[in-house]
Amino acid sequence: MAYLAENLGYLISHSVASGSAKRPRVNDKTGLPGQYNFTLEFACADCVAASPSAGSPAPADHGDGPTIFEALERQLGLKLVRVRDVPLDVIVIDGVDRIPSPN
């Protein structure tokens, strides 16, 4: 499930016409351990057949079908919930005391 959650951010960013290039972060809160084999069928006009780590992506056959959100719920019984107030670790550099020298 952790692998699915990791790749859902990529799929969602390509299946939702949000106009933003920002990839949403998906956290696995199912508590399900182990590996699972399943097929998830959904329609996505801008998705690619390969994951970003699988090399050159090839265009997918999109057809008509449910959205990624509908497919997750209907086919796998999983539901994505948008959470807005999630604390994040952020590092901010306020200033620099000296200019770095070349190596």
PDB file of N, CA and C in Angstrom:
ATOM      1  N   MET A   1       0.821  -1.199   0.000  1.00  0.00           N
ATOM      2  CA  MET A   1       0.000   0.000   0.000  1.00  0.00           C
ATOM      3  C   MET A   1       0.863   1.260   0.000  1.00  0.00           C
ATOM      4  N   ALA A   2       2.041   1.160   0.616  1.00  0.00           N
ATOM      5  CA  ALA A   2       2.929   2.325   0.629  1.00  0.00           C
ATOM      6  C   ALA A   2       3.362   2.681  -0.796  1.00  0.00           C
ATOM      7  N   TYR A   3       3.619   1.671  -1.633  1.00  0.00           N
ATOM      8  CA  TYR A   3       4.014   1.909  -3.027  1.00  0.00           C
ATOM      9  C   TYR A   3       2.858   2.546  -3.809  1.00  0.00           C
ATOM     10  N   LEU A   4       1.638   2.068  -3.557  1.00  0.00           N
ATOM     11  CA  LEU A   4       0.472   2.652  -4.210  1.00  0.00           C
ATOM     12  C   LEU A   4       0.331   4.120  -3.818  1.00  0.00           C
ATOM     13  N   ALA A   5       0.435   4.409  -2.531  1.00  0.00           N
ATOM     14  CA  ALA A   5       0.311   5.791  -2.057  1.00  0.00           C
ATOM     15  C   ALA A   5       1.378   6.682  -2.684  1.00  0.00           C
ATOM     16  N   GLU A   6       2.600   6.161  -2.772  1.00  0.00           N
ATOM     17  CA  GLU A   6       3.707   6.922  -3.351  1.00  0.00           C
ATOM     18  C   GLU A   6       3.421   7.303  -4.802  1.00  0.00           C
ATOM     19  N   ASN A   7       2.840   6.388  -5.561  1.00  0.00           N
ATOM     20  CA  ASN A   7       2.581   6.630  -6.977  1.00  0.00           C
ATOM     21  C   ASN A   7       1.250   7.328  -7.244  1.00  0.00           C
ATOM     22  N   LEU A   8       0.352   7.339  -6.289  1.00  0.00           N
ATOM     23  CA  LEU A   8      -0.929   8.021  -6.490  1.00  0.00           C
ATOM     24  C   LEU A   8      -0.754   9.521  -6.691  1.00  0.00           C
ATOM     25  N   GLY A   9       0.201  10.123  -6.012  1.00  0.00           N
ATOM     26  CA  GLY A   9       0.454  11.552  -6.204  1.00  0.00           C
ATOM     27  C   GLY A   9       0.759  11.869  -7.651  1.00  0.00           C
ATOM     28  N   TYR A  10       1.562  11.019  -8.274  1.00  0.00           N
ATOM     29  CA  TYR A  10       1.910  11.192  -9.688  1.00  0.00           C
ATOM     30  C   TYR A  10       0.670  11.035 -10.569  1.00  0.00           C
ATOM     31  N   LEU A  11      -0.105   9.979 -10.320  1.00  0.00           N
ATOM     32  CA  LEU A  11      -1.299   9.729 -11.132  1.00  0.00           C
ATOM     33  C   LEU A  11      -2.333  10.831 -10.972  1.00  0.00           C
ATOM     34  N   ILE A  12      -2.533  11.296  -9.749  1.00  0.00           N
ATOM     35  CA  ILE A  12      -3.521  12.334  -9.488  1.00  0.00           C
ATOM     36  C   ILE A  12      -3.117  13.641 -10.147  1.00  0.00           C
ATOM     37  N   SER A  13      -1.832  13.984 -10.091  1.00  0.00           N
ATOM     38  CA  SER A  13      -1.389  15.245 -10.688  1.00  0.00           C
ATOM     39  C   SER A  13      -1.584  15.242 -12.197  1.00  0.00           C
ATOM     40  N   HIS A  14      -1.623  14.060 -12.835  1.00  0.00           N
ATOM     41  CA  HIS A  14      -1.831  13.976 -14.272  1.00  0.00           C
ATOM     42  C   HIS A  14      -3.289  13.737 -14.653  1.00  0.00           C
ATOM     43  N   SER A  15      -4.115  13.313 -13.698  1.00  0.00           N
ATOM     44  CA  SER A  15      -5.508  13.025 -14.035  1.00  0.00           C
ATOM     45  C   SER A  15      -6.441  14.173 -13.697  1.00  0.00           C
ATOM     46  N   VAL A  16      -5.986  15.118 -12.903  1.00  0.00           N
ATOM     47  CA  VAL A  16      -6.817  16.257 -12.521  1.00  0.00           C
ATOM     48  C   VAL A  16      -6.298  17.483 -13.242  1.00  0.00           C
ATOM     49  N   ALA A  17      -7.163  18.142 -13.974  1.00  0.00           N
ATOM     50  CA  ALA A  17      -6.774  19.354 -14.699  1.00  0.00           C
ATOM     51  C   ALA A  17      -6.776  20.519 -13.727  1.00  0.00           C
ATOM     52  N   SER A  18      -5.780  20.544 -12.841  1.00  0.00           N
ATOM     53  CA  SER A  18      -5.754  21.575 -11.802  1.00  0.00           C
ATOM     54  C   SER A  18      -4.993  22.813 -12.247  1.00  0.00           C
ATOM     55  N   GLY A  19      -4.225  22.696 -13.317  1.00  0.00           N
ATOM     56  CA  GLY A  19      -3.434  23.828 -13.773  1.00  0.00           C
ATOM     57  C   GLY A  19      -2.175  24.020 -12.942  1.00  0.00           C
ATOM     58  N   SER A  20      -1.953  23.154 -11.964  1.00  0.00           N
ATOM     59  CA  SER A  20      -0.782  23.252 -11.110  1.00  0.00           C
ATOM     60  C   SER A  20       0.161  22.101 -11.400  1.00  0.00           C
ATOM     61  N   ALA A  21       1.447  22.408 -11.454  1.00  0.00           N
ATOM     62  CA  ALA A  21       2.438  21.364 -11.704  1.00  0.00           C
ATOM     63  C   ALA A  21       2.855  20.697 -10.401  1.00  0.00           C
ATOM     64  N   LYS A  22       2.306  21.151  -9.273  1.00  0.00           N
ATOM     65  CA  LYS A  22       2.672  20.608  -7.977  1.00  0.00           C
ATOM     66  C   LYS A  22       2.090  19.210  -7.796  1.00  0.00           C
ATOM     67  N   ARG A  23       2.940  18.279  -7.415  1.00  0.00           N
ATOM     68  CA  ARG A  23       2.517  16.898  -7.206  1.00  0.00           C
ATOM     69  C   ARG A  23       1.966  16.738  -5.789  1.00  0.00           C
ATOM     70  N   PRO A  24       0.711  16.313  -5.659  1.00  0.00           N
ATOM     71  CA  PRO A  24       0.157  16.135  -4.317  1.00  0.00           C
ATOM     72  C   PRO A  24       0.819  14.969  -3.600  1.00  0.00           C
ATOM     73  N   ARG A  25       0.920  15.075  -2.293  1.00  0.00           N
ATOM     74  CA  ARG A  25       1.510  14.005  -1.493  1.00  0.00           C
ATOM     75  C   ARG A  25       0.391  13.130  -0.950  1.00  0.00           C
ATOM     76  N   VAL A  26       0.533  11.818  -1.114  1.00  0.00           N
ATOM     77  CA  VAL A  26      -0.461  10.861  -0.634  1.00  0.00           C
ATOM     78  C   VAL A  26       0.203  10.004   0.437  1.00  0.00           C
ATOM     79  N   ASN A  27      -0.403   9.967   1.625  1.00  0.00           N
ATOM     80  CA  ASN A  27       0.109   9.165   2.727  1.00  0.00           C
ATOM     81  C   ASN A  27      -0.753   7.930   2.911  1.00  0.00           C
ATOM     82  N   ASP A  28      -0.111   6.802   3.137  1.00  0.00           N
ATOM     83  CA  ASP A  28      -0.815   5.537   3.379  1.00  0.00           C
ATOM     84  C   ASP A  28      -1.239   5.474   4.836  1.00  0.00           C
ATOM     85  N   LYS A  29      -2.524   5.558   5.091  1.00  0.00           N
ATOM     86  CA  LYS A  29      -3.062   5.446   6.444  1.00  0.00           C
ATOM     87  C   LYS A  29      -3.929   4.196   6.582  1.00  0.00           C
ATOM     88  N   THR A  30      -3.778   3.234   5.670  1.00  0.00           N
ATOM     89  CA  THR A  30      -4.605   2.027   5.707  1.00  0.00           C
ATOM     90  C   THR A  30      -4.159   1.068   6.799  1.00  0.00           C
ATOM     91  N   GLY A  31      -2.881   1.051   7.115  1.00  0.00           N
ATOM     92  CA  GLY A  31      -2.360   0.098   8.080  1.00  0.00           C
ATOM     93  C   GLY A  31      -2.249  -1.314   7.529  1.00  0.00           C
ATOM     94  N   LEU A  32      -2.410  -1.472   6.216  1.00  0.00           N
ATOM     95  CA  LEU A  32      -2.346  -2.787   5.590  1.00  0.00           C
ATOM     96  C   LEU A  32      -0.901  -3.117   5.223  1.00  0.00           C
ATOM     97  N   PRO A  33      -0.324  -4.163   5.828  1.00  0.00           N
ATOM     98  CA  PRO A  33       1.046  -4.553   5.488  1.00  0.00           C
ATOM     99  C   PRO A  33       1.055  -5.507   4.291  1.00  0.00           C
ATOM    100  N   GLY A  34       2.227  -5.781   3.775  1.00  0.00           N
ATOM    101  CA  GLY A  34       2.361  -6.773   2.710  1.00  0.00           C
ATOM    102  C   GLY A  34       2.198  -6.197   1.324  1.00  0.00           C
ATOM    103  N   GLN A  35       2.228  -7.118   0.358  1.00  0.00           N
ATOM    104  CA  GLN A  35       2.100  -6.732  -1.049  1.00  0.00           C
ATOM    105  C   GLN A  35       0.787  -7.264  -1.606  1.00  0.00           C
ATOM    106  N   TYR A  36       0.214  -6.524  -2.555  1.00  0.00           N
ATOM    107  CA  TYR A  36      -1.064  -6.890  -3.156  1.00  0.00           C
ATOM    108  C   TYR A  36      -0.948  -6.792  -4.674  1.00  0.00           C
ATOM    109  N   ASN A  37      -1.609  -7.685  -5.377  1.00  0.00           N
ATOM    110  CA  ASN A  37      -1.700  -7.627  -6.832  1.00  0.00           C
ATOM    111  C   ASN A  37      -3.128  -7.252  -7.182  1.00  0.00           C
ATOM    112  N   PHE A  38      -3.291  -6.192  -7.964  1.00  0.00           N
ATOM    113  CA  PHE A  38      -4.614  -5.762  -8.382  1.00  0.00           C
ATOM    114  C   PHE A  38      -4.496  -4.958  -9.664  1.00  0.00           C
ATOM    115  N   THR A  39      -5.619  -4.797 -10.326  1.00  0.00           N
ATOM    116  CA  THR A  39      -5.698  -3.977 -11.527  1.00  0.00           C
ATOM    117  C   THR A  39      -6.666  -2.843 -11.239  1.00  0.00           C
ATOM    118  N   LEU A  40      -6.234  -1.630 -11.507  1.00  0.00           N
ATOM    119  CA  LEU A  40      -7.071  -0.452 -11.299  1.00  0.00           C
ATOM    120  C   LEU A  40      -7.312   0.180 -12.662  1.00  0.00           C
ATOM    121  N   GLU A  41      -8.560   0.217 -13.084  1.00  0.00           N
ATOM    122  CA  GLU A  41      -8.898   0.775 -14.395  1.00  0.00           C
ATOM    123  C   GLU A  41      -9.618   2.099 -14.216  1.00  0.00           C
ATOM    124  N   PHE A  42      -9.087   3.138 -14.889  1.00  0.00           N
ATOM    125  CA  PHE A  42      -9.677   4.475 -14.799  1.00  0.00           C
ATOM    126  C   PHE A  42      -9.339   5.258 -16.055  1.00  0.00           C
ATOM    127  N   ALA A  43     -10.091   6.322 -16.293  1.00  0.00           N
ATOM    128  CA  ALA A  43      -9.859   7.187 -17.453  1.00  0.00           C
ATOM    129  C   ALA A  43      -8.967   8.347 -17.037  1.00  0.00           C
ATOM    130  N   CYS A  44      -8.036   8.683 -17.912  1.00  0.00           N
ATOM    131  CA  CYS A  44      -7.122   9.779 -17.610  1.00  0.00           C
ATOM    132  C   CYS A  44      -6.560  10.319 -18.920  1.00  0.00           C
ATOM    133  N   ALA A  45      -6.940  11.510 -19.277  1.00  0.00           N
ATOM    134  CA  ALA A  45      -6.538  12.085 -20.562  1.00  0.00           C
ATOM    135  C   ALA A  45      -5.040  12.381 -20.648  1.00  0.00           C
ATOM    136  N   ASP A  46      -4.395  12.711 -19.523  1.00  0.00           N
ATOM    137  CA  ASP A  46      -2.991  13.105 -19.564  1.00  0.00           C
ATOM    138  C   ASP A  46      -2.040  12.111 -18.918  1.00  0.00           C
ATOM    139  N   CYS A  47      -2.551  10.955 -18.499  1.00  0.00           N
ATOM    140  CA  CYS A  47      -1.700   9.975 -17.820  1.00  0.00           C
ATOM    141  C   CYS A  47      -0.799   9.253 -18.804  1.00  0.00           C
ATOM    142  N   VAL A  48       0.200   8.615 -18.267  1.00  0.00           N
ATOM    143  CA  VAL A  48       1.108   7.813 -19.068  1.00  0.00           C
ATOM    144  C   VAL A  48       1.081   6.385 -18.550  1.00  0.00           C
ATOM    145  N   ALA A  49       1.439   5.445 -19.413  1.00  0.00           N
ATOM    146  CA  ALA A  49       1.360   4.027 -19.068  1.00  0.00           C
ATOM    147  C   ALA A  49       2.437   3.604 -18.084  1.00  0.00           C
ATOM    148  N   ALA A  50       3.561   4.294 -18.046  1.00  0.00           N
ATOM    149  CA  ALA A  50       4.634   3.907 -17.142  1.00  0.00           C
ATOM    150  C   ALA A  50       4.745   4.891 -15.995  1.00  0.00           C
ATOM    151  N   SER A  51       5.257   4.425 -14.871  1.00  0.00           N
ATOM    152  CA  SER A  51       5.497   5.320 -13.749  1.00  0.00           C
ATOM    153  C   SER A  51       6.730   6.156 -14.056  1.00  0.00           C
ATOM    154  N   PRO A  52       6.947   7.261 -13.325  1.00  0.00           N
ATOM    155  CA  PRO A  52       8.087   8.117 -13.634  1.00  0.00           C
ATOM    156  C   PRO A  52       9.427   7.413 -13.447  1.00  0.00           C
ATOM    157  N   SER A  53       9.476   6.364 -12.642  1.00  0.00           N
ATOM    158  CA  SER A  53      10.736   5.662 -12.409  1.00  0.00           C
ATOM    159  C   SER A  53      10.965   4.526 -13.398  1.00  0.00           C
ATOM    160  N   ALA A  54      10.021   4.285 -14.294  1.00  0.00           N
ATOM    161  CA  ALA A  54      10.125   3.138 -15.200  1.00  0.00           C
ATOM    162  C   ALA A  54      10.754   3.490 -16.541  1.00  0.00           C
ATOM    163  N   GLY A  55      11.422   4.618 -16.643  1.00  0.00           N
ATOM    164  CA  GLY A  55      12.051   4.981 -17.905  1.00  0.00           C
ATOM    165  C   GLY A  55      11.141   5.865 -18.735  1.00  0.00           C
ATOM    166  N   SER A  56      11.219   5.758 -20.042  1.00  0.00           N
ATOM    167  CA  SER A  56      10.414   6.568 -20.947  1.00  0.00           C
ATOM    168  C   SER A  56       8.958   6.170 -20.882  1.00  0.00           C
ATOM    169  N   PRO A  57       8.090   7.086 -20.475  1.00  0.00           N
ATOM    170  CA  PRO A  57       6.678   6.746 -20.432  1.00  0.00           C
ATOM    171  C   PRO A  57       6.078   6.715 -21.825  1.00  0.00           C
ATOM    172  N   ALA A  58       5.138   5.813 -22.014  1.00  0.00           N
ATOM    173  CA  ALA A  58       4.419   5.714 -23.282  1.00  0.00           C
ATOM    174  C   ALA A  58       2.987   6.168 -23.056  1.00  0.00           C
ATOM    175  N   PRO A  59       2.350   6.805 -24.042  1.00  0.00           N
ATOM    176  CA  PRO A  59       0.967   7.233 -23.859  1.00  0.00           C
ATOM    177  C   PRO A  59       0.071   6.042 -23.549  1.00  0.00           C
ATOM    178  N   ALA A  60      -0.863   6.241 -22.636  1.00  0.00           N
ATOM    179  CA  ALA A  60      -1.777   5.162 -22.249  1.00  0.00           C
ATOM    180  C   ALA A  60      -3.026   5.196 -23.115  1.00  0.00           C
ATOM    181  N   ASP A  61      -3.728   4.055 -23.189  1.00  0.00           N
ATOM    182  CA  ASP A  61      -5.019   3.982 -23.859  1.00  0.00           C
ATOM    183  C   ASP A  61      -6.064   4.416 -22.841  1.00  0.00           C
ATOM    184  N   HIS A  62      -6.673   5.585 -23.040  1.00  0.00           N
ATOM    185  CA  HIS A  62      -7.483   6.191 -22.001  1.00  0.00           C
ATOM    186  C   HIS A  62      -8.923   5.703 -21.984  1.00  0.00           C
ATOM    187  N   GLY A  63      -9.587   5.702 -23.094  1.00  0.00           N
ATOM    188  CA  GLY A  63     -10.974   5.261 -23.147  1.00  0.00           C
ATOM    189  C   GLY A  63     -11.873   6.022 -22.190  1.00  0.00           C
ATOM    190  N   ASP A  64     -13.116   5.559 -22.082  1.00  0.00           N
ATOM    191  CA  ASP A  64     -14.049   6.151 -21.136  1.00  0.00           C
ATOM    192  C   ASP A  64     -14.077   5.280 -19.894  1.00  0.00           C
ATOM    193  N   GLY A  65     -14.164   5.899 -18.762  1.00  0.00           N
ATOM    194  CA  GLY A  65     -14.188   5.137 -17.528  1.00  0.00           C
ATOM    195  C   GLY A  65     -14.243   6.060 -16.337  1.00  0.00           C
ATOM    196  N   PRO A  66     -14.172   5.490 -15.146  1.00  0.00           N
ATOM    197  CA  PRO A  66     -14.244   6.301 -13.937  1.00  0.00           C
ATOM    198  C   PRO A  66     -12.969   7.114 -13.733  1.00  0.00           C
ATOM    199  N   THR A  67     -13.065   8.155 -12.930  1.00  0.00           N
ATOM    200  CA  THR A  67     -11.885   8.927 -12.560  1.00  0.00           C
ATOM    201  C   THR A  67     -11.038   8.083 -11.616  1.00  0.00           C
ATOM    202  N   ILE A  68      -9.820   8.517 -11.359  1.00  0.00           N
ATOM    203  CA  ILE A  68      -8.943   7.796 -10.441  1.00  0.00           C
ATOM    204  C   ILE A  68      -9.580   7.690  -9.056  1.00  0.00           C
ATOM    205  N   PHE A  69     -10.289   8.736  -8.635  1.00  0.00           N
ATOM    206  CA  PHE A  69     -10.933   8.761  -7.319  1.00  0.00           C
ATOM    207  C   PHE A  69     -12.077   7.750  -7.244  1.00  0.00           C
ATOM    208  N   GLU A  70     -12.910   7.717  -8.289  1.00  0.00           N
ATOM    209  CA  GLU A  70     -14.021   6.761  -8.340  1.00  0.00           C
ATOM    210  C   GLU A  70     -13.506   5.326  -8.424  1.00  0.00           C
ATOM    211  N   ALA A  71     -12.460   5.105  -9.214  1.00  0.00           N
ATOM    212  CA  ALA A  71     -11.906   3.763  -9.377  1.00  0.00           C
ATOM    213  C   ALA A  71     -11.325   3.240  -8.067  1.00  0.00           C
ATOM    214  N   LEU A  72     -10.612   4.082  -7.338  1.00  0.00           N
ATOM    215  CA  LEU A  72     -10.056   3.660  -6.056  1.00  0.00           C
ATOM    216  C   LEU A  72     -11.150   3.214  -5.096  1.00  0.00           C
ATOM    217  N   GLU A  73     -12.234   3.979  -5.053  1.00  0.00           N
ATOM    218  CA  GLU A  73     -13.305   3.658  -4.115  1.00  0.00           C
ATOM    219  C   GLU A  73     -14.124   2.453  -4.559  1.00  0.00           C
ATOM    220  N   ARG A  74     -14.507   2.405  -5.820  1.00  0.00           N
ATOM    221  CA  ARG A  74     -15.356   1.309  -6.321  1.00  0.00           C
ATOM    222  C   ARG A  74     -14.606  -0.011  -6.455  1.00  0.00           C
ATOM    223  N   GLN A  75     -13.392   0.047  -7.001  1.00  0.00           N
ATOM    224  CA  GLN A  75     -12.669  -1.181  -7.326  1.00  0.00           C
ATOM    225  C   GLN A  75     -11.811  -1.716  -6.181  1.00  0.00           C
ATOM    226  N   LEU A  76     -11.294  -0.813  -5.331  1.00  0.00           N
ATOM    227  CA  LEU A  76     -10.405  -1.250  -4.260  1.00  0.00           C
ATOM    228  C   LEU A  76     -10.945  -0.974  -2.859  1.00  0.00           C
ATOM    229  N   GLY A  77     -12.037  -0.196  -2.771  1.00  0.00           N
ATOM    230  CA  GLY A  77     -12.581   0.139  -1.459  1.00  0.00           C
ATOM    231  C   GLY A  77     -11.742   1.157  -0.704  1.00  0.00           C
ATOM    232  N   LEU A  78     -10.917   1.915  -1.426  1.00  0.00           N
ATOM    233  CA  LEU A  78     -10.072   2.936  -0.808  1.00  0.00           C
ATOM    234  C   LEU A  78     -10.637   4.317  -1.110  1.00  0.00           C
ATOM    235  N   LYS A  79     -10.485   5.231  -0.173  1.00  0.00           N
ATOM    236  CA  LYS A  79     -11.001   6.580  -0.385  1.00  0.00           C
ATOM    237  C   LYS A  79      -9.896   7.586  -0.085  1.00  0.00           C
ATOM    238  N   LEU A  80      -9.688   8.524  -1.007  1.00  0.00           N
ATOM    239  CA  LEU A  80      -8.723   9.599  -0.800  1.00  0.00           C
ATOM    240  C   LEU A  80      -9.437  10.753  -0.104  1.00  0.00           C
ATOM    241  N   VAL A  81      -8.822  11.256   0.940  1.00  0.00           N
ATOM    242  CA  VAL A  81      -9.400  12.360   1.701  1.00  0.00           C
ATOM    243  C   VAL A  81      -8.411  13.506   1.673  1.00  0.00           C
ATOM    244  N   ARG A  82      -8.870  14.685   1.268  1.00  0.00           N
ATOM    245  CA  ARG A  82      -8.006  15.871   1.229  1.00  0.00           C
ATOM    246  C   ARG A  82      -7.919  16.447   2.634  1.00  0.00           C
ATOM    247  N   VAL A  83      -6.693  16.624   3.091  1.00  0.00           N
ATOM    248  CA  VAL A  83      -6.447  17.195   4.411  1.00  0.00           C
ATOM    249  C   VAL A  83      -5.680  18.488   4.199  1.00  0.00           C
ATOM    250  N   ARG A  84      -6.202  19.570   4.710  1.00  0.00           N
ATOM    251  CA  ARG A  84      -5.566  20.872   4.480  1.00  0.00           C
ATOM    252  C   ARG A  84      -4.598  21.262   5.596  1.00  0.00           C
ATOM    253  N   ASP A  85      -4.916  20.956   6.823  1.00  0.00           N
ATOM    254  CA  ASP A  85      -4.105  21.401   7.953  1.00  0.00           C
ATOM    255  C   ASP A  85      -3.181  20.291   8.438  1.00  0.00           C
ATOM    256  N   VAL A  86      -2.151  20.013   7.649  1.00  0.00           N
ATOM    257  CA  VAL A  86      -1.178  18.990   7.998  1.00  0.00           C
ATOM    258  C   VAL A  86       0.138  19.684   8.306  1.00  0.00           C
ATOM    259  N   PRO A  87       0.700  19.451   9.499  1.00  0.00           N
ATOM    260  CA  PRO A  87       1.988  20.085   9.798  1.00  0.00           C
ATOM    261  C   PRO A  87       3.101  19.498   8.934  1.00  0.00           C
ATOM    262  N   LEU A  88       3.940  20.363   8.411  1.00  0.00           N
ATOM    263  CA  LEU A  88       5.065  19.948   7.576  1.00  0.00           C
ATOM    264  C   LEU A  88       6.353  20.487   8.155  1.00  0.00           C
ATOM    265  N   ASP A  89       7.433  19.724   8.028  1.00  0.00           N
ATOM    266  CA  ASP A  89       8.751  20.210   8.410  1.00  0.00           C
ATOM    267  C   ASP A  89       9.275  21.092   7.296  1.00  0.00           C
ATOM    268  N   VAL A  90       9.652  22.316   7.642  1.00  0.00           N
ATOM    269  CA  VAL A  90      10.149  23.267   6.651  1.00  0.00           C
ATOM    270  C   VAL A  90      11.451  23.866   7.168  1.00  0.00           C
ATOM    271  N   ILE A  91      12.435  23.941   6.309  1.00  0.00           N
ATOM    272  CA  ILE A  91      13.699  24.581   6.656  1.00  0.00           C
ATOM    273  C   ILE A  91      13.781  25.877   5.862  1.00  0.00           C
ATOM    274  N   VAL A  92      14.034  26.975   6.572  1.00  0.00           N
ATOM    275  CA  VAL A  92      14.120  28.289   5.934  1.00  0.00           C
ATOM    276  C   VAL A  92      15.515  28.846   6.163  1.00  0.00           C
ATOM    277  N   ILE A  93      16.164  29.299   5.091  1.00  0.00           N
ATOM    278  CA  ILE A  93      17.466  29.958   5.204  1.00  0.00           C
ATOM    279  C   ILE A  93      17.202  31.451   5.185  1.00  0.00           C
ATOM    280  N   ASP A  94      17.478  32.109   6.333  1.00  0.00           N
ATOM    281  CA  ASP A  94      17.212  33.545   6.452  1.00  0.00           C
ATOM    282  C   ASP A  94      18.297  34.408   5.838  1.00  0.00           C
ATOM    283  N   GLY A  95      19.515  33.935   5.836  1.00  0.00           N
ATOM    284  CA  GLY A  95      20.592  34.749   5.313  1.00  0.00           C
ATOM    285  C   GLY A  95      21.872  33.957   5.164  1.00  0.00           C
ATOM    286  N   VAL A  96      22.860  34.602   4.544  1.00  0.00           N
ATOM    287  CA  VAL A  96      24.163  33.996   4.331  1.00  0.00           C
ATOM    288  C   VAL A  96      25.214  34.972   4.831  1.00  0.00           C
ATOM    289  N   ASP A  97      26.158  34.479   5.654  1.00  0.00           N
ATOM    290  CA  ASP A  97      27.179  35.356   6.231  1.00  0.00           C
ATOM    291  C   ASP A  97      28.367  35.572   5.316  1.00  0.00           C
ATOM    292  N   ARG A  98      28.631  34.613   4.418  1.00  0.00           N
ATOM    293  CA  ARG A  98      29.782  34.781   3.535  1.00  0.00           C
ATOM    294  C   ARG A  98      29.490  34.133   2.197  1.00  0.00           C
ATOM    295  N   ILE A  99      30.229  34.534   1.179  1.00  0.00           N
ATOM    296  CA  ILE A  99      30.087  33.982  -0.155  1.00  0.00           C
ATOM    297  C   ILE A  99      30.936  32.716  -0.241  1.00  0.00           C
ATOM    298  N   PRO A 100      30.361  31.613  -0.713  1.00  0.00           N
ATOM    299  CA  PRO A 100      31.164  30.378  -0.811  1.00  0.00           C
ATOM    300  C   PRO A 100      32.274  30.505  -1.845  1.00  0.00           C
ATOM    301  N   SER A 101      33.405  29.872  -1.538  1.00  0.00           N
ATOM    302  CA  SER A 101      34.530  29.888  -2.471  1.00  0.00           C
ATOM    303  C   SER A 101      34.458  28.672  -3.375  1.00  0.00           C
ATOM    304  N   PRO A 102      34.979  28.755  -4.610  1.00  0.00           N
ATOM    305  CA  PRO A 102      34.944  27.605  -5.513  1.00  0.00           C
ATOM    306  C   PRO A 102      35.839  26.477  -4.977  1.00  0.00           C
ATOM    307  N   ASN A 103      35.466  25.261  -5.298  1.00  0.00           N
ATOM    308  CA  ASN A 103      36.237  24.089  -4.838  1.00  0.00           C
ATOM    309  C   ASN A 103      37.511  23.919  -5.589  1.00  0.00           C
TER     310      ASN A 103
END
